[in-house]
N, C-alpha and C. Protein backbone atom coordinates (compact mmCIF):
# COMPACT_ATOMS: atom_id res chain seq x y z
N MET A 1 -17.13 -12.00 -10.74
CA MET A 1 -18.41 -11.43 -11.06
C MET A 1 -19.49 -11.87 -10.07
N LYS A 2 -19.40 -13.06 -9.53
CA LYS A 2 -20.41 -13.56 -8.62
C LYS A 2 -20.31 -12.89 -7.25
N ILE A 3 -19.14 -12.43 -6.87
CA ILE A 3 -18.94 -11.86 -5.54
C ILE A 3 -19.83 -10.64 -5.31
N PRO A 4 -19.93 -9.63 -6.23
CA PRO A 4 -20.82 -8.49 -5.97
C PRO A 4 -22.27 -8.92 -5.77
N TYR A 5 -22.73 -9.95 -6.52
CA TYR A 5 -24.11 -10.39 -6.37
C TYR A 5 -24.32 -11.03 -5.00
N ILE A 6 -23.35 -11.81 -4.57
CA ILE A 6 -23.43 -12.46 -3.27
C ILE A 6 -23.42 -11.42 -2.17
N VAL A 7 -22.51 -10.45 -2.26
CA VAL A 7 -22.41 -9.40 -1.25
C VAL A 7 -23.70 -8.61 -1.19
N LEU A 8 -24.27 -8.29 -2.35
CA LEU A 8 -25.52 -7.52 -2.39
C LEU A 8 -26.65 -8.32 -1.75
N ALA A 9 -26.76 -9.59 -2.08
CA ALA A 9 -27.82 -10.41 -1.51
C ALA A 9 -27.63 -10.57 -0.01
N LEU A 10 -26.42 -10.79 0.40
CA LEU A 10 -26.14 -10.94 1.82
C LEU A 10 -26.37 -9.63 2.56
N GLY A 11 -25.99 -8.55 1.95
CA GLY A 11 -26.15 -7.24 2.58
C GLY A 11 -27.60 -6.91 2.83
N THR A 12 -28.47 -7.23 1.90
CA THR A 12 -29.88 -6.94 2.05
C THR A 12 -30.46 -7.71 3.22
N GLY A 13 -30.08 -8.95 3.36
CA GLY A 13 -30.58 -9.76 4.47
C GLY A 13 -30.08 -9.31 5.82
N ILE A 14 -28.84 -8.91 5.88
CA ILE A 14 -28.24 -8.51 7.15
C ILE A 14 -28.81 -7.18 7.63
N LEU A 15 -29.21 -6.34 6.71
CA LEU A 15 -29.71 -5.02 7.06
C LEU A 15 -30.86 -5.09 8.05
N VAL A 16 -31.81 -5.99 7.82
CA VAL A 16 -32.96 -6.08 8.70
C VAL A 16 -32.54 -6.46 10.11
N SER A 17 -31.66 -7.43 10.26
CA SER A 17 -31.26 -7.86 11.60
C SER A 17 -30.32 -6.88 12.26
N CYS A 18 -29.56 -6.15 11.47
CA CYS A 18 -28.60 -5.21 12.03
C CYS A 18 -29.24 -3.89 12.41
N HIS A 19 -30.48 -3.66 12.00
CA HIS A 19 -31.12 -2.38 12.27
C HIS A 19 -31.18 -2.11 13.77
N GLN A 20 -31.66 -3.08 14.55
CA GLN A 20 -31.73 -2.90 15.99
C GLN A 20 -30.33 -2.87 16.59
N GLN A 21 -29.47 -3.76 16.15
CA GLN A 21 -28.10 -3.79 16.66
C GLN A 21 -27.37 -2.51 16.29
N GLY A 22 -27.62 -1.99 15.08
CA GLY A 22 -26.97 -0.76 14.63
C GLY A 22 -27.37 0.43 15.47
N GLN A 23 -28.64 0.46 15.94
CA GLN A 23 -29.07 1.56 16.79
C GLN A 23 -28.33 1.51 18.12
N GLN A 24 -28.10 0.32 18.67
CA GLN A 24 -27.36 0.19 19.92
C GLN A 24 -25.91 0.58 19.71
N GLN A 25 -25.31 0.15 18.60
CA GLN A 25 -23.91 0.45 18.33
C GLN A 25 -23.71 1.93 18.09
N GLN A 26 -24.67 2.57 17.43
CA GLN A 26 -24.52 3.97 17.09
C GLN A 26 -24.40 4.83 18.33
N ASN A 27 -25.06 4.46 19.41
CA ASN A 27 -24.97 5.22 20.64
C ASN A 27 -23.60 5.12 21.29
N SER A 28 -22.87 4.03 21.04
CA SER A 28 -21.59 3.82 21.70
C SER A 28 -20.39 4.15 20.81
N VAL A 29 -20.62 4.58 19.56
CA VAL A 29 -19.52 4.87 18.65
C VAL A 29 -18.91 6.22 18.97
N VAL A 30 -17.59 6.26 19.07
CA VAL A 30 -16.88 7.51 19.24
C VAL A 30 -16.66 8.08 17.85
N THR A 31 -16.95 9.36 17.69
CA THR A 31 -16.84 9.95 16.35
C THR A 31 -15.78 11.02 16.32
N ASP A 32 -15.27 11.25 15.13
CA ASP A 32 -14.34 12.36 14.90
C ASP A 32 -14.47 12.76 13.44
N SER A 33 -13.80 13.81 13.06
CA SER A 33 -13.90 14.26 11.68
C SER A 33 -12.85 13.56 10.84
N LEU A 34 -13.02 13.66 9.53
CA LEU A 34 -12.05 13.08 8.61
C LEU A 34 -10.73 13.81 8.72
N PRO A 35 -9.63 13.13 8.42
CA PRO A 35 -8.35 13.82 8.39
C PRO A 35 -8.40 14.97 7.39
N ALA A 36 -7.58 15.98 7.61
CA ALA A 36 -7.62 17.20 6.80
C ALA A 36 -7.50 16.92 5.31
N GLU A 37 -6.70 15.93 4.91
CA GLU A 37 -6.51 15.70 3.48
C GLU A 37 -7.75 15.14 2.80
N THR A 38 -8.72 14.60 3.55
CA THR A 38 -9.92 14.07 2.91
C THR A 38 -11.12 15.00 3.08
N GLU A 39 -10.98 16.09 3.80
CA GLU A 39 -12.10 16.99 3.98
C GLU A 39 -12.31 17.80 2.72
N LYS A 40 -13.48 17.65 2.15
CA LYS A 40 -13.90 18.34 0.95
C LYS A 40 -15.40 18.50 1.06
N LYS A 41 -15.93 19.41 0.30
CA LYS A 41 -17.37 19.58 0.35
C LYS A 41 -18.08 18.32 -0.13
N VAL A 42 -17.67 17.79 -1.30
CA VAL A 42 -18.28 16.59 -1.85
C VAL A 42 -17.19 15.71 -2.46
N ASN A 43 -17.24 14.42 -2.19
CA ASN A 43 -16.35 13.44 -2.81
C ASN A 43 -17.20 12.47 -3.60
N CYS A 44 -16.77 12.18 -4.83
CA CYS A 44 -17.48 11.23 -5.68
C CYS A 44 -16.53 10.10 -6.06
N TYR A 45 -17.00 8.87 -5.91
CA TYR A 45 -16.20 7.69 -6.20
C TYR A 45 -16.98 6.78 -7.13
N GLU A 46 -16.24 6.01 -7.93
CA GLU A 46 -16.89 5.08 -8.85
C GLU A 46 -15.99 3.87 -9.09
N LYS A 47 -16.64 2.71 -9.22
CA LYS A 47 -15.93 1.49 -9.60
C LYS A 47 -16.70 0.85 -10.74
N VAL A 48 -15.98 0.53 -11.81
CA VAL A 48 -16.58 -0.13 -12.96
C VAL A 48 -15.83 -1.44 -13.17
N LEU A 49 -16.56 -2.54 -13.08
CA LEU A 49 -16.01 -3.87 -13.33
C LEU A 49 -16.85 -4.50 -14.43
N GLY A 50 -16.30 -4.54 -15.63
CA GLY A 50 -17.06 -5.05 -16.77
C GLY A 50 -18.27 -4.16 -16.99
N ARG A 51 -19.46 -4.73 -16.86
CA ARG A 51 -20.70 -3.96 -17.04
C ARG A 51 -21.33 -3.58 -15.70
N ASP A 52 -20.67 -3.86 -14.61
CA ASP A 52 -21.17 -3.51 -13.27
C ASP A 52 -20.56 -2.18 -12.83
N THR A 53 -21.38 -1.36 -12.18
CA THR A 53 -20.93 -0.05 -11.72
C THR A 53 -21.41 0.19 -10.30
N ILE A 54 -20.53 0.75 -9.47
CA ILE A 54 -20.90 1.21 -8.14
C ILE A 54 -20.48 2.67 -8.07
N GLN A 55 -21.39 3.54 -7.62
CA GLN A 55 -21.10 4.96 -7.48
C GLN A 55 -21.45 5.41 -6.07
N LEU A 56 -20.57 6.22 -5.50
CA LEU A 56 -20.75 6.74 -4.15
C LEU A 56 -20.45 8.22 -4.16
N THR A 57 -21.38 9.02 -3.68
CA THR A 57 -21.20 10.46 -3.55
C THR A 57 -21.35 10.79 -2.07
N LEU A 58 -20.35 11.44 -1.49
CA LEU A 58 -20.37 11.75 -0.06
C LEU A 58 -20.15 13.23 0.19
N SER A 59 -20.86 13.75 1.15
CA SER A 59 -20.58 15.07 1.69
C SER A 59 -20.45 14.90 3.20
N TYR A 60 -19.70 15.81 3.80
CA TYR A 60 -19.38 15.68 5.22
C TYR A 60 -19.83 16.91 6.00
N GLN A 61 -20.35 16.65 7.18
CA GLN A 61 -20.63 17.72 8.12
C GLN A 61 -20.25 17.18 9.49
N ASP A 62 -19.20 17.78 10.04
CA ASP A 62 -18.62 17.30 11.29
C ASP A 62 -18.23 15.83 11.12
N SER A 63 -18.78 14.95 11.92
CA SER A 63 -18.41 13.53 11.84
C SER A 63 -19.47 12.69 11.14
N VAL A 64 -20.35 13.33 10.38
CA VAL A 64 -21.40 12.62 9.67
C VAL A 64 -21.16 12.72 8.16
N ALA A 65 -21.20 11.58 7.50
CA ALA A 65 -21.08 11.52 6.05
C ALA A 65 -22.43 11.10 5.50
N SER A 66 -22.86 11.76 4.44
CA SER A 66 -24.12 11.38 3.82
C SER A 66 -24.01 11.57 2.32
N GLY A 67 -24.85 10.86 1.59
CA GLY A 67 -24.81 11.00 0.14
C GLY A 67 -25.60 9.91 -0.55
N LYS A 68 -25.27 9.73 -1.81
CA LYS A 68 -25.98 8.79 -2.68
C LYS A 68 -25.09 7.59 -2.96
N LEU A 69 -25.70 6.40 -3.00
CA LEU A 69 -24.99 5.16 -3.31
C LEU A 69 -25.82 4.41 -4.34
N VAL A 70 -25.15 3.99 -5.43
CA VAL A 70 -25.83 3.29 -6.51
C VAL A 70 -25.07 2.01 -6.84
N TYR A 71 -25.78 0.89 -6.86
CA TYR A 71 -25.23 -0.38 -7.34
C TYR A 71 -25.98 -0.70 -8.62
N ASN A 72 -25.27 -0.76 -9.74
CA ASN A 72 -25.89 -1.06 -11.03
C ASN A 72 -25.18 -2.28 -11.62
N PHE A 73 -25.72 -3.45 -11.31
CA PHE A 73 -25.13 -4.71 -11.78
C PHE A 73 -25.82 -5.13 -13.07
N PHE A 74 -25.03 -5.53 -14.04
CA PHE A 74 -25.54 -5.92 -15.35
C PHE A 74 -26.57 -7.03 -15.22
N GLU A 75 -27.69 -6.86 -15.90
CA GLU A 75 -28.80 -7.81 -15.94
C GLU A 75 -29.39 -8.10 -14.56
N LYS A 76 -29.20 -7.17 -13.64
CA LYS A 76 -29.81 -7.26 -12.30
C LYS A 76 -30.52 -5.94 -12.04
N ASP A 77 -31.35 -5.92 -11.00
CA ASP A 77 -32.03 -4.68 -10.66
C ASP A 77 -31.04 -3.68 -10.09
N LYS A 78 -31.22 -2.45 -10.49
CA LYS A 78 -30.39 -1.35 -10.02
C LYS A 78 -30.86 -0.94 -8.63
N ASN A 79 -29.92 -0.74 -7.71
CA ASN A 79 -30.23 -0.25 -6.38
C ASN A 79 -29.74 1.18 -6.27
N THR A 80 -30.63 2.09 -6.00
CA THR A 80 -30.28 3.50 -5.85
C THR A 80 -30.83 3.97 -4.52
N GLY A 81 -29.97 4.62 -3.72
CA GLY A 81 -30.45 5.07 -2.43
C GLY A 81 -29.53 6.05 -1.75
N GLU A 82 -29.85 6.30 -0.50
CA GLU A 82 -29.13 7.26 0.33
C GLU A 82 -28.25 6.52 1.34
N PHE A 83 -27.08 7.07 1.54
CA PHE A 83 -26.13 6.53 2.52
C PHE A 83 -25.90 7.60 3.58
N ARG A 84 -25.89 7.18 4.83
CA ARG A 84 -25.61 8.09 5.95
C ARG A 84 -24.85 7.31 7.00
N GLY A 85 -23.72 7.87 7.44
CA GLY A 85 -22.92 7.16 8.42
C GLY A 85 -22.07 8.07 9.28
N ILE A 86 -21.43 7.46 10.25
CA ILE A 86 -20.56 8.15 11.20
C ILE A 86 -19.11 7.89 10.80
N VAL A 87 -18.32 8.95 10.75
CA VAL A 87 -16.92 8.87 10.37
C VAL A 87 -16.06 8.73 11.62
N HIS A 88 -15.15 7.75 11.58
CA HIS A 88 -14.20 7.55 12.68
C HIS A 88 -12.89 7.05 12.08
N HIS A 89 -11.86 7.87 12.14
CA HIS A 89 -10.54 7.52 11.61
C HIS A 89 -10.58 7.04 10.16
N GLY A 90 -11.33 7.75 9.31
CA GLY A 90 -11.37 7.42 7.89
C GLY A 90 -12.27 6.25 7.53
N ILE A 91 -12.97 5.70 8.50
CA ILE A 91 -13.91 4.60 8.24
C ILE A 91 -15.32 5.11 8.52
N ILE A 92 -16.19 4.88 7.56
CA ILE A 92 -17.58 5.31 7.69
C ILE A 92 -18.46 4.09 7.86
N ARG A 93 -19.09 3.99 9.01
CA ARG A 93 -20.07 2.93 9.28
C ARG A 93 -21.44 3.57 9.15
N GLY A 94 -22.23 3.03 8.22
CA GLY A 94 -23.51 3.67 7.99
C GLY A 94 -24.60 2.75 7.52
N ASN A 95 -25.69 3.38 7.15
CA ASN A 95 -26.87 2.68 6.69
C ASN A 95 -27.15 3.11 5.25
N TYR A 96 -27.47 2.15 4.42
CA TYR A 96 -27.82 2.39 3.03
C TYR A 96 -29.30 2.07 2.86
N THR A 97 -30.11 3.10 2.60
CA THR A 97 -31.54 2.94 2.37
C THR A 97 -31.78 3.10 0.88
N PHE A 98 -32.36 2.08 0.26
CA PHE A 98 -32.44 2.05 -1.19
C PHE A 98 -33.75 1.47 -1.68
N PHE A 99 -34.00 1.69 -2.97
CA PHE A 99 -35.15 1.10 -3.64
C PHE A 99 -34.67 0.09 -4.66
N SER A 100 -35.30 -1.07 -4.66
CA SER A 100 -35.02 -2.10 -5.64
C SER A 100 -36.34 -2.80 -5.93
N GLU A 101 -36.69 -2.89 -7.20
CA GLU A 101 -37.96 -3.48 -7.64
C GLU A 101 -39.14 -2.81 -6.96
N GLY A 102 -39.04 -1.50 -6.70
CA GLY A 102 -40.13 -0.75 -6.11
C GLY A 102 -40.30 -0.93 -4.61
N VAL A 103 -39.38 -1.63 -3.97
CA VAL A 103 -39.47 -1.88 -2.53
C VAL A 103 -38.32 -1.17 -1.84
N GLU A 104 -38.63 -0.46 -0.74
CA GLU A 104 -37.58 0.20 0.04
C GLU A 104 -36.98 -0.78 1.03
N SER A 105 -35.67 -0.80 1.08
CA SER A 105 -34.93 -1.67 2.00
C SER A 105 -33.77 -0.87 2.57
N SER A 106 -33.11 -1.44 3.56
CA SER A 106 -31.89 -0.82 4.08
C SER A 106 -30.97 -1.90 4.61
N ARG A 107 -29.68 -1.55 4.65
CA ARG A 107 -28.69 -2.47 5.18
C ARG A 107 -27.48 -1.68 5.63
N ARG A 108 -26.66 -2.30 6.46
CA ARG A 108 -25.43 -1.69 6.94
C ARG A 108 -24.37 -1.76 5.84
N VAL A 109 -23.61 -0.68 5.70
CA VAL A 109 -22.51 -0.61 4.74
C VAL A 109 -21.37 0.13 5.42
N ILE A 110 -20.14 -0.32 5.15
CA ILE A 110 -18.96 0.31 5.72
C ILE A 110 -17.98 0.62 4.60
N PHE A 111 -17.42 1.84 4.63
CA PHE A 111 -16.41 2.24 3.66
C PHE A 111 -15.19 2.78 4.39
N LYS A 112 -14.01 2.49 3.85
CA LYS A 112 -12.77 3.12 4.28
C LYS A 112 -12.44 4.12 3.17
N VAL A 113 -12.37 5.41 3.54
CA VAL A 113 -12.19 6.44 2.52
C VAL A 113 -10.87 7.18 2.71
N SER A 114 -10.32 7.57 1.58
CA SER A 114 -9.16 8.45 1.55
C SER A 114 -9.47 9.51 0.50
N LYS A 115 -8.52 10.34 0.22
CA LYS A 115 -8.77 11.40 -0.75
C LYS A 115 -9.10 10.85 -2.13
N GLU A 116 -8.41 9.81 -2.58
CA GLU A 116 -8.60 9.31 -3.94
C GLU A 116 -9.39 8.02 -4.06
N GLN A 117 -9.62 7.30 -2.96
CA GLN A 117 -10.26 5.99 -3.06
C GLN A 117 -11.22 5.72 -1.90
N ALA A 118 -12.16 4.83 -2.17
CA ALA A 118 -13.07 4.33 -1.13
C ALA A 118 -13.13 2.81 -1.30
N PHE A 119 -12.91 2.10 -0.20
CA PHE A 119 -12.95 0.64 -0.21
C PHE A 119 -14.18 0.20 0.58
N GLU A 120 -15.00 -0.66 -0.01
CA GLU A 120 -16.17 -1.17 0.69
C GLU A 120 -15.78 -2.38 1.53
N ALA A 121 -16.28 -2.40 2.76
CA ALA A 121 -15.99 -3.53 3.66
C ALA A 121 -16.74 -4.77 3.20
N VAL A 122 -16.09 -5.91 3.40
CA VAL A 122 -16.68 -7.20 3.07
C VAL A 122 -17.14 -7.82 4.39
N PRO A 123 -18.39 -8.25 4.49
CA PRO A 123 -18.88 -8.81 5.75
C PRO A 123 -18.14 -10.09 6.11
N GLU A 124 -18.00 -10.31 7.43
CA GLU A 124 -17.35 -11.55 7.87
C GLU A 124 -18.31 -12.73 7.82
N SER A 125 -19.60 -12.44 7.87
CA SER A 125 -20.61 -13.49 7.75
C SER A 125 -21.95 -12.86 7.41
N ILE A 126 -22.93 -13.72 7.27
CA ILE A 126 -24.30 -13.30 6.99
C ILE A 126 -25.17 -13.92 8.09
N ASP A 127 -26.04 -13.09 8.68
CA ASP A 127 -26.88 -13.62 9.75
C ASP A 127 -28.06 -14.42 9.18
N GLN A 128 -28.92 -14.93 10.06
CA GLN A 128 -30.03 -15.80 9.64
C GLN A 128 -31.04 -15.08 8.75
N GLN A 129 -31.13 -13.76 8.88
CA GLN A 129 -32.05 -12.99 8.04
C GLN A 129 -31.41 -12.58 6.72
N GLY A 130 -30.14 -12.93 6.52
CA GLY A 130 -29.46 -12.61 5.27
C GLY A 130 -28.74 -11.28 5.26
N PHE A 131 -28.55 -10.66 6.42
CA PHE A 131 -27.87 -9.37 6.50
C PHE A 131 -26.39 -9.56 6.83
N PRO A 132 -25.55 -8.65 6.27
CA PRO A 132 -24.10 -8.76 6.53
C PRO A 132 -23.77 -8.47 7.99
N VAL A 133 -22.79 -9.18 8.49
CA VAL A 133 -22.31 -8.98 9.86
C VAL A 133 -20.86 -8.52 9.76
N PHE A 134 -20.57 -7.39 10.40
CA PHE A 134 -19.23 -6.82 10.40
C PHE A 134 -18.66 -6.83 11.81
N PRO A 135 -17.34 -6.97 11.95
CA PRO A 135 -16.74 -6.87 13.28
C PRO A 135 -16.92 -5.45 13.84
N LEU A 136 -17.06 -5.34 15.15
CA LEU A 136 -17.20 -4.04 15.78
C LEU A 136 -15.87 -3.28 15.81
N ASP A 137 -14.77 -4.01 15.86
CA ASP A 137 -13.44 -3.43 15.90
C ASP A 137 -13.00 -3.08 14.48
N ASP A 138 -12.73 -1.80 14.23
CA ASP A 138 -12.33 -1.36 12.89
C ASP A 138 -11.09 -2.09 12.38
N SER A 139 -10.18 -2.46 13.27
CA SER A 139 -8.96 -3.13 12.84
C SER A 139 -9.22 -4.55 12.33
N GLN A 140 -10.38 -5.10 12.61
CA GLN A 140 -10.73 -6.45 12.16
C GLN A 140 -11.51 -6.45 10.84
N LEU A 141 -11.84 -5.26 10.34
CA LEU A 141 -12.60 -5.18 9.08
C LEU A 141 -11.75 -5.63 7.91
N LYS A 142 -12.39 -6.27 6.95
CA LYS A 142 -11.75 -6.67 5.69
C LYS A 142 -12.42 -5.86 4.59
N PHE A 143 -11.61 -5.40 3.62
CA PHE A 143 -12.13 -4.54 2.57
C PHE A 143 -11.89 -5.16 1.20
N ASP A 144 -12.78 -4.82 0.27
CA ASP A 144 -12.65 -5.25 -1.12
C ASP A 144 -11.30 -4.78 -1.64
N SER A 145 -10.62 -5.60 -2.41
CA SER A 145 -9.29 -5.25 -2.91
C SER A 145 -9.34 -4.25 -4.07
N ILE A 146 -10.49 -4.10 -4.70
CA ILE A 146 -10.63 -3.16 -5.82
C ILE A 146 -11.41 -1.95 -5.32
N PRO A 147 -10.77 -0.78 -5.28
CA PRO A 147 -11.43 0.40 -4.71
C PRO A 147 -12.35 1.11 -5.69
N LEU A 148 -13.21 1.93 -5.15
CA LEU A 148 -13.91 2.92 -5.93
C LEU A 148 -12.94 4.09 -6.05
N GLU A 149 -12.77 4.62 -7.24
CA GLU A 149 -11.80 5.69 -7.48
C GLU A 149 -12.52 7.04 -7.51
N GLU A 150 -11.86 8.05 -6.92
CA GLU A 150 -12.44 9.38 -6.94
C GLU A 150 -12.45 9.93 -8.36
N GLY A 151 -13.51 10.63 -8.67
CA GLY A 151 -13.62 11.22 -10.00
C GLY A 151 -14.62 12.36 -9.98
N ALA A 152 -14.96 12.83 -11.14
CA ALA A 152 -15.92 13.91 -11.27
C ALA A 152 -17.30 13.41 -10.86
N CYS A 153 -18.02 14.26 -10.16
CA CYS A 153 -19.38 13.90 -9.75
C CYS A 153 -20.30 13.90 -10.96
N LYS A 154 -21.20 12.92 -11.01
CA LYS A 154 -22.13 12.80 -12.14
C LYS A 154 -23.51 13.19 -11.72
């Protein structure tokens, strides 16, 4: 139960420092479209752990994925925002811009998606500003062992 809170706190801090680095990386990322089996107009995923819920809604246009991302942790502030990222070999590296306690923030988020599941990447570290740091090489990414499962869009 403590891991989602830690990841959320770390993610928020890393977002600020990764913003400039993310702009540099975005220019050098090679993009492609999702494999045919995952191409759909809209994909909706959800993970429920006890009273905590994460929801991800994605739509695709060429190599860009965009949609809504919601983190609703029990007895914590709900984060609701927009996700936009670049798709490369089933991995979406993007930015999550959200509101929490009336303040707009953003941070880097990475998902590995398939037709039925989406796995959120776990940062390898947290920088001095508290933002998550992910490896640049997709093969070095580590993902949460419990996926978000595809389901009906809400």
